[in-house]
């Protein structure tokens, strides 16, 4: 009985698209747009939200370039 839940979960989420942020980080802008449209619905205007995501990613990359060691743990 306890094995049924993971099987149902996997069956439901196998068709779920990747997140727009994930796709943008990998340079897949068109796929990110399609994914965001899927999550928001076909009648939703996603242009502004997608532009914000791109800007946020650009800012993250710029900050990461300025501080390359900022993601390491400090003891």
PDB file of N, CA and C in Angstrom:
ATOM      1  N   UNK A   1       0.816  -1.197   0.000  1.00  0.00           N
ATOM      2  CA  UNK A   1       0.000   0.000   0.000  1.00  0.00           C
ATOM      3  C   UNK A   1       0.868   1.273   0.000  1.00  0.00           C
ATOM      4  N   UNK A   2       1.949   1.261   0.765  1.00  0.00           N
ATOM      5  CA  UNK A   2       2.770   2.471   0.847  1.00  0.00           C
ATOM      6  C   UNK A   2       3.526   2.734  -0.449  1.00  0.00           C
ATOM      7  N   UNK A   3       3.659   1.762  -1.307  1.00  0.00           N
ATOM      8  CA  UNK A   3       4.340   1.961  -2.581  1.00  0.00           C
ATOM      9  C   UNK A   3       3.468   2.606  -3.637  1.00  0.00           C
ATOM     10  N   UNK A   4       2.183   2.696  -3.378  1.00  0.00           N
ATOM     11  CA  UNK A   4       1.256   3.264  -4.354  1.00  0.00           C
ATOM     12  C   UNK A   4       1.413   4.783  -4.464  1.00  0.00           C
ATOM     13  N   UNK A   5       1.623   5.447  -3.348  1.00  0.00           N
ATOM     14  CA  UNK A   5       1.726   6.909  -3.336  1.00  0.00           C
ATOM     15  C   UNK A   5       2.879   7.399  -4.219  1.00  0.00           C
ATOM     16  N   UNK A   6       4.086   6.855  -4.085  1.00  0.00           N
ATOM     17  CA  UNK A   6       5.160   7.329  -4.978  1.00  0.00           C
ATOM     18  C   UNK A   6       4.890   7.054  -6.460  1.00  0.00           C
ATOM     19  N   UNK A   7       4.234   5.963  -6.744  1.00  0.00           N
ATOM     20  CA  UNK A   7       3.917   5.643  -8.134  1.00  0.00           C
ATOM     21  C   UNK A   7       2.919   6.655  -8.699  1.00  0.00           C
ATOM     22  N   UNK A   8       1.906   6.990  -7.931  1.00  0.00           N
ATOM     23  CA  UNK A   8       0.921   7.987  -8.362  1.00  0.00           C
ATOM     24  C   UNK A   8       1.595   9.347  -8.533  1.00  0.00           C
ATOM     25  N   UNK A   9       2.441   9.707  -7.566  1.00  0.00           N
ATOM     26  CA  UNK A   9       3.163  10.979  -7.629  1.00  0.00           C
ATOM     27  C   UNK A   9       4.003  11.053  -8.903  1.00  0.00           C
ATOM     28  N   UNK A  10       4.772  10.009  -9.176  1.00  0.00           N
ATOM     29  CA  UNK A  10       5.629   9.999 -10.368  1.00  0.00           C
ATOM     30  C   UNK A  10       4.795  10.064 -11.646  1.00  0.00           C
ATOM     31  N   UNK A  11       3.694   9.349 -11.660  1.00  0.00           N
ATOM     32  CA  UNK A  11       2.841   9.342 -12.848  1.00  0.00           C
ATOM     33  C   UNK A  11       2.239  10.717 -13.113  1.00  0.00           C
ATOM     34  N   UNK A  12       1.915  11.447 -12.064  1.00  0.00           N
ATOM     35  CA  UNK A  12       1.314  12.776 -12.228  1.00  0.00           C
ATOM     36  C   UNK A  12       2.334  13.829 -12.638  1.00  0.00           C
ATOM     37  N   UNK A  13       3.546  13.734 -12.135  1.00  0.00           N
ATOM     38  CA  UNK A  13       4.528  14.794 -12.364  1.00  0.00           C
ATOM     39  C   UNK A  13       5.490  14.528 -13.512  1.00  0.00           C
ATOM     40  N   UNK A  14       5.362  13.398 -14.152  1.00  0.00           N
ATOM     41  CA  UNK A  14       6.258  13.108 -15.270  1.00  0.00           C
ATOM     42  C   UNK A  14       6.019  14.067 -16.433  1.00  0.00           C
ATOM     43  N   UNK A  15       4.789  14.607 -16.538  1.00  0.00           N
ATOM     44  CA  UNK A  15       4.459  15.528 -17.624  1.00  0.00           C
ATOM     45  C   UNK A  15       4.563  16.995 -17.212  1.00  0.00           C
ATOM     46  N   UNK A  16       4.934  17.266 -15.985  1.00  0.00           N
ATOM     47  CA  UNK A  16       5.055  18.633 -15.493  1.00  0.00           C
ATOM     48  C   UNK A  16       6.306  19.268 -16.106  1.00  0.00           C
ATOM     49  N   UNK A  17       6.179  20.437 -16.699  1.00  0.00           N
ATOM     50  CA  UNK A  17       7.355  21.068 -17.324  1.00  0.00           C
ATOM     51  C   UNK A  17       8.345  21.585 -16.273  1.00  0.00           C
ATOM     52  N   UNK A  18       9.578  21.788 -16.715  1.00  0.00           N
ATOM     53  CA  UNK A  18      10.592  22.382 -15.846  1.00  0.00           C
ATOM     54  C   UNK A  18      10.186  23.815 -15.521  1.00  0.00           C
ATOM     55  N   UNK A  19      10.727  24.364 -14.436  1.00  0.00           N
ATOM     56  CA  UNK A  19      10.386  25.730 -14.069  1.00  0.00           C
ATOM     57  C   UNK A  19      11.031  26.704 -15.053  1.00  0.00           C
ATOM     58  N   UNK A  20      10.395  27.850 -15.259  1.00  0.00           N
ATOM     59  CA  UNK A  20      10.972  28.860 -16.163  1.00  0.00           C
ATOM     60  C   UNK A  20      12.368  29.311 -15.718  1.00  0.00           C
ATOM     61  N   UNK A  21      12.580  29.450 -14.414  1.00  0.00           N
ATOM     62  CA  UNK A  21      13.891  29.871 -13.917  1.00  0.00           C
ATOM     63  C   UNK A  21      14.971  28.861 -14.293  1.00  0.00           C
ATOM     64  N   UNK A  22      14.668  27.590 -14.113  1.00  0.00           N
ATOM     65  CA  UNK A  22      15.613  26.530 -14.468  1.00  0.00           C
ATOM     66  C   UNK A  22      15.973  26.602 -15.952  1.00  0.00           C
ATOM     67  N   UNK A  23      14.963  26.752 -16.776  1.00  0.00           N
ATOM     68  CA  UNK A  23      15.191  26.793 -18.221  1.00  0.00           C
ATOM     69  C   UNK A  23      15.976  28.042 -18.636  1.00  0.00           C
ATOM     70  N   UNK A  24      15.689  29.188 -18.022  1.00  0.00           N
ATOM     71  CA  UNK A  24      16.439  30.410 -18.337  1.00  0.00           C
ATOM     72  C   UNK A  24      17.904  30.255 -17.965  1.00  0.00           C
ATOM     73  N   UNK A  25      18.187  29.617 -16.831  1.00  0.00           N
ATOM     74  CA  UNK A  25      19.577  29.411 -16.415  1.00  0.00           C
ATOM     75  C   UNK A  25      20.348  28.557 -17.412  1.00  0.00           C
ATOM     76  N   UNK A  26      19.647  27.739 -18.144  1.00  0.00           N
ATOM     77  CA  UNK A  26      20.277  26.882 -19.137  1.00  0.00           C
ATOM     78  C   UNK A  26      20.213  27.467 -20.544  1.00  0.00           C
ATOM     79  N   UNK A  27      19.744  28.722 -20.649  1.00  0.00           N
ATOM     80  CA  UNK A  27      19.723  29.411 -21.930  1.00  0.00           C
ATOM     81  C   UNK A  27      18.587  28.991 -22.846  1.00  0.00           C
ATOM     82  N   UNK A  28      17.583  28.360 -22.301  1.00  0.00           N
ATOM     83  CA  UNK A  28      16.451  27.884 -23.100  1.00  0.00           C
ATOM     84  C   UNK A  28      15.272  28.847 -22.937  1.00  0.00           C
ATOM     85  N   UNK A  29      15.406  30.012 -23.549  1.00  0.00           N
ATOM     86  CA  UNK A  29      14.443  31.090 -23.368  1.00  0.00           C
ATOM     87  C   UNK A  29      13.051  30.747 -23.911  1.00  0.00           C
ATOM     88  N   UNK A  30      12.987  30.155 -25.078  1.00  0.00           N
ATOM     89  CA  UNK A  30      11.698  29.807 -25.667  1.00  0.00           C
ATOM     90  C   UNK A  30      10.974  28.757 -24.826  1.00  0.00           C
ATOM     91  N   UNK A  31      11.725  27.773 -24.351  1.00  0.00           N
ATOM     92  CA  UNK A  31      11.126  26.752 -23.493  1.00  0.00           C
ATOM     93  C   UNK A  31      10.670  27.360 -22.166  1.00  0.00           C
ATOM     94  N   UNK A  32      11.420  28.324 -21.644  1.00  0.00           N
ATOM     95  CA  UNK A  32      11.032  29.005 -20.414  1.00  0.00           C
ATOM     96  C   UNK A  32       9.716  29.756 -20.604  1.00  0.00           C
ATOM     97  N   UNK A  33       9.582  30.389 -21.753  1.00  0.00           N
ATOM     98  CA  UNK A  33       8.346  31.105 -22.058  1.00  0.00           C
ATOM     99  C   UNK A  33       7.160  30.140 -22.126  1.00  0.00           C
ATOM    100  N   UNK A  34       7.355  29.012 -22.771  1.00  0.00           N
ATOM    101  CA  UNK A  34       6.280  28.012 -22.867  1.00  0.00           C
ATOM    102  C   UNK A  34       5.927  27.456 -21.489  1.00  0.00           C
ATOM    103  N   UNK A  35       6.930  27.228 -20.668  1.00  0.00           N
ATOM    104  CA  UNK A  35       6.695  26.710 -19.328  1.00  0.00           C
ATOM    105  C   UNK A  35       5.907  27.704 -18.477  1.00  0.00           C
ATOM    106  N   UNK A  36       6.314  28.973 -18.524  1.00  0.00           N
ATOM    107  CA  UNK A  36       5.611  29.997 -17.756  1.00  0.00           C
ATOM    108  C   UNK A  36       4.171  30.135 -18.248  1.00  0.00           C
ATOM    109  N   UNK A  37       3.971  30.064 -19.543  1.00  0.00           N
ATOM    110  CA  UNK A  37       2.620  30.144 -20.098  1.00  0.00           C
ATOM    111  C   UNK A  37       1.779  28.968 -19.612  1.00  0.00           C
ATOM    112  N   UNK A  38       2.376  27.800 -19.523  1.00  0.00           N
ATOM    113  CA  UNK A  38       1.680  26.619 -19.007  1.00  0.00           C
ATOM    114  C   UNK A  38       1.231  26.848 -17.569  1.00  0.00           C
ATOM    115  N   UNK A  39       2.145  27.367 -16.742  1.00  0.00           N
ATOM    116  CA  UNK A  39       1.829  27.581 -15.325  1.00  0.00           C
ATOM    117  C   UNK A  39       0.791  28.684 -15.121  1.00  0.00           C
ATOM    118  N   UNK A  40       0.827  29.721 -15.931  1.00  0.00           N
ATOM    119  CA  UNK A  40      -0.079  30.866 -15.759  1.00  0.00           C
ATOM    120  C   UNK A  40      -1.403  30.709 -16.507  1.00  0.00           C
ATOM    121  N   UNK A  41      -1.424  29.876 -17.512  1.00  0.00           N
ATOM    122  CA  UNK A  41      -2.629  29.691 -18.321  1.00  0.00           C
ATOM    123  C   UNK A  41      -2.460  30.357 -19.669  1.00  0.00           C
ATOM    124  N   UNK A  42      -3.165  29.817 -20.663  1.00  0.00           N
ATOM    125  CA  UNK A  42      -2.956  30.284 -22.034  1.00  0.00           C
ATOM    126  C   UNK A  42      -3.452  31.702 -22.284  1.00  0.00           C
ATOM    127  N   UNK A  43      -4.353  32.212 -21.452  1.00  0.00           N
ATOM    128  CA  UNK A  43      -4.901  33.557 -21.659  1.00  0.00           C
ATOM    129  C   UNK A  43      -4.145  34.636 -20.890  1.00  0.00           C
ATOM    130  N   UNK A  44      -3.126  34.247 -20.159  1.00  0.00           N
ATOM    131  CA  UNK A  44      -2.378  35.192 -19.321  1.00  0.00           C
ATOM    132  C   UNK A  44      -1.219  35.818 -20.111  1.00  0.00           C
ATOM    133  N   UNK A  45      -1.040  37.127 -19.963  1.00  0.00           N
ATOM    134  CA  UNK A  45       0.087  37.827 -20.587  1.00  0.00           C
ATOM    135  C   UNK A  45       1.301  37.671 -19.663  1.00  0.00           C
ATOM    136  N   UNK A  46       2.304  36.963 -20.122  1.00  0.00           N
ATOM    137  CA  UNK A  46       3.460  36.642 -19.278  1.00  0.00           C
ATOM    138  C   UNK A  46       4.694  37.466 -19.607  1.00  0.00           C
ATOM    139  N   UNK A  47       4.599  38.363 -20.583  1.00  0.00           N
ATOM    140  CA  UNK A  47       5.779  39.088 -21.056  1.00  0.00           C
ATOM    141  C   UNK A  47       6.506  39.816 -19.923  1.00  0.00           C
ATOM    142  N   UNK A  48       5.780  40.587 -19.111  1.00  0.00           N
ATOM    143  CA  UNK A  48       6.424  41.352 -18.038  1.00  0.00           C
ATOM    144  C   UNK A  48       7.079  40.431 -17.012  1.00  0.00           C
ATOM    145  N   UNK A  49       6.379  39.356 -16.654  1.00  0.00           N
ATOM    146  CA  UNK A  49       6.933  38.434 -15.662  1.00  0.00           C
ATOM    147  C   UNK A  49       8.189  37.744 -16.198  1.00  0.00           C
ATOM    148  N   UNK A  50       8.164  37.352 -17.454  1.00  0.00           N
ATOM    149  CA  UNK A  50       9.328  36.711 -18.055  1.00  0.00           C
ATOM    150  C   UNK A  50      10.498  37.692 -18.143  1.00  0.00           C
ATOM    151  N   UNK A  51      10.214  38.932 -18.494  1.00  0.00           N
ATOM    152  CA  UNK A  51      11.266  39.960 -18.540  1.00  0.00           C
ATOM    153  C   UNK A  51      11.884  40.167 -17.157  1.00  0.00           C
ATOM    154  N   UNK A  52      11.063  40.162 -16.123  1.00  0.00           N
ATOM    155  CA  UNK A  52      11.568  40.299 -14.750  1.00  0.00           C
ATOM    156  C   UNK A  52      12.468  39.118 -14.388  1.00  0.00           C
ATOM    157  N   UNK A  53      12.059  37.934 -14.785  1.00  0.00           N
ATOM    158  CA  UNK A  53      12.873  36.746 -14.511  1.00  0.00           C
ATOM    159  C   UNK A  53      14.233  36.845 -15.193  1.00  0.00           C
ATOM    160  N   UNK A  54      14.235  37.317 -16.428  1.00  0.00           N
ATOM    161  CA  UNK A  54      15.488  37.486 -17.165  1.00  0.00           C
ATOM    162  C   UNK A  54      16.378  38.524 -16.482  1.00  0.00           C
ATOM    163  N   UNK A  55      15.778  39.633 -16.075  1.00  0.00           N
ATOM    164  CA  UNK A  55      16.541  40.683 -15.389  1.00  0.00           C
ATOM    165  C   UNK A  55      17.119  40.164 -14.074  1.00  0.00           C
ATOM    166  N   UNK A  56      16.312  39.418 -13.319  1.00  0.00           N
ATOM    167  CA  UNK A  56      16.790  38.849 -12.053  1.00  0.00           C
ATOM    168  C   UNK A  56      17.957  37.897 -12.289  1.00  0.00           C
ATOM    169  N   UNK A  57      17.845  37.079 -13.318  1.00  0.00           N
ATOM    170  CA  UNK A  57      18.922  36.148 -13.635  1.00  0.00           C
ATOM    171  C   UNK A  57      20.184  36.899 -14.043  1.00  0.00           C
ATOM    172  N   UNK A  58      20.034  37.943 -14.854  1.00  0.00           N
ATOM    173  CA  UNK A  58      21.193  38.757 -15.243  1.00  0.00           C
ATOM    174  C   UNK A  58      21.865  39.359 -14.017  1.00  0.00           C
ATOM    175  N   UNK A  59      21.059  39.895 -13.090  1.00  0.00           N
ATOM    176  CA  UNK A  59      21.609  40.481 -11.872  1.00  0.00           C
ATOM    177  C   UNK A  59      22.313  39.436 -11.019  1.00  0.00           C
ATOM    178  N   UNK A  60      21.751  38.249 -10.934  1.00  0.00           N
ATOM    179  CA  UNK A  60      22.391  37.174 -10.178  1.00  0.00           C
ATOM    180  C   UNK A  60      23.736  36.812 -10.784  1.00  0.00           C
ATOM    181  N   UNK A  61      23.781  36.744 -12.099  1.00  0.00           N
ATOM    182  CA  UNK A  61      25.030  36.395 -12.771  1.00  0.00           C
ATOM    183  C   UNK A  61      26.084  37.483 -12.584  1.00  0.00           C
ATOM    184  N   UNK A  62      25.650  38.729 -12.642  1.00  0.00           N
ATOM    185  CA  UNK A  62      26.591  39.836 -12.433  1.00  0.00           C
ATOM    186  C   UNK A  62      27.138  39.807 -11.013  1.00  0.00           C
ATOM    187  N   UNK A  63      26.271  39.584 -10.030  1.00  0.00           N
ATOM    188  CA  UNK A  63      26.711  39.518  -8.643  1.00  0.00           C
ATOM    189  C   UNK A  63      27.622  38.324  -8.396  1.00  0.00           C
ATOM    190  N   UNK A  64      27.326  37.220  -9.043  1.00  0.00           N
ATOM    191  CA  UNK A  64      28.151  36.032  -8.895  1.00  0.00           C
ATOM    192  C   UNK A  64      29.534  36.278  -9.480  1.00  0.00           C
ATOM    193  N   UNK A  65      29.589  37.000 -10.599  1.00  0.00           N
ATOM    194  CA  UNK A  65      30.874  37.313 -11.225  1.00  0.00           C
ATOM    195  C   UNK A  65      31.698  38.250 -10.343  1.00  0.00           C
ATOM    196  N   UNK A  66      31.031  39.168  -9.646  1.00  0.00           N
ATOM    197  CA  UNK A  66      31.728  40.101  -8.767  1.00  0.00           C
ATOM    198  C   UNK A  66      32.235  39.405  -7.506  1.00  0.00           C
ATOM    199  N   UNK A  67      31.497  38.417  -7.037  1.00  0.00           N
ATOM    200  CA  UNK A  67      31.811  37.724  -5.789  1.00  0.00           C
ATOM    201  C   UNK A  67      31.842  36.211  -6.033  1.00  0.00           C
ATOM    202  N   UNK A  68      32.849  35.711  -6.721  1.00  0.00           N
ATOM    203  CA  UNK A  68      32.858  34.290  -7.097  1.00  0.00           C
ATOM    204  C   UNK A  68      32.929  33.339  -5.910  1.00  0.00           C
ATOM    205  N   UNK A  69      33.421  33.776  -4.772  1.00  0.00           N
ATOM    206  CA  UNK A  69      33.531  32.899  -3.619  1.00  0.00           C
ATOM    207  C   UNK A  69      32.375  33.055  -2.639  1.00  0.00           C
ATOM    208  N   UNK A  70      31.379  33.852  -2.982  1.00  0.00           N
ATOM    209  CA  UNK A  70      30.297  34.130  -2.039  1.00  0.00           C
ATOM    210  C   UNK A  70      29.404  32.921  -1.783  1.00  0.00           C
ATOM    211  N   UNK A  71      29.473  31.897  -2.631  1.00  0.00           N
ATOM    212  CA  UNK A  71      28.631  30.738  -2.422  1.00  0.00           C
ATOM    213  C   UNK A  71      29.318  29.635  -1.615  1.00  0.00           C
ATOM    214  N   UNK A  72      30.523  29.908  -1.134  1.00  0.00           N
ATOM    215  CA  UNK A  72      31.228  28.914  -0.332  1.00  0.00           C
ATOM    216  C   UNK A  72      30.933  29.142   1.145  1.00  0.00           C
ATOM    217  N   UNK A  73      31.003  28.065   1.886  1.00  0.00           N
ATOM    218  CA  UNK A  73      30.747  28.145   3.343  1.00  0.00           C
ATOM    219  C   UNK A  73      31.981  28.712   4.030  1.00  0.00           C
ATOM    220  N   UNK A  74      31.727  29.464   5.064  1.00  0.00           N
ATOM    221  CA  UNK A  74      32.807  30.041   5.871  1.00  0.00           C
ATOM    222  C   UNK A  74      32.681  29.484   7.278  1.00  0.00           C
ATOM    223  N   UNK A  75      33.771  28.911   7.763  1.00  0.00           N
ATOM    224  CA  UNK A  75      33.749  28.323   9.117  1.00  0.00           C
ATOM    225  C   UNK A  75      34.532  29.157  10.068  1.00  0.00           C
TER     226      UNK A  75
END
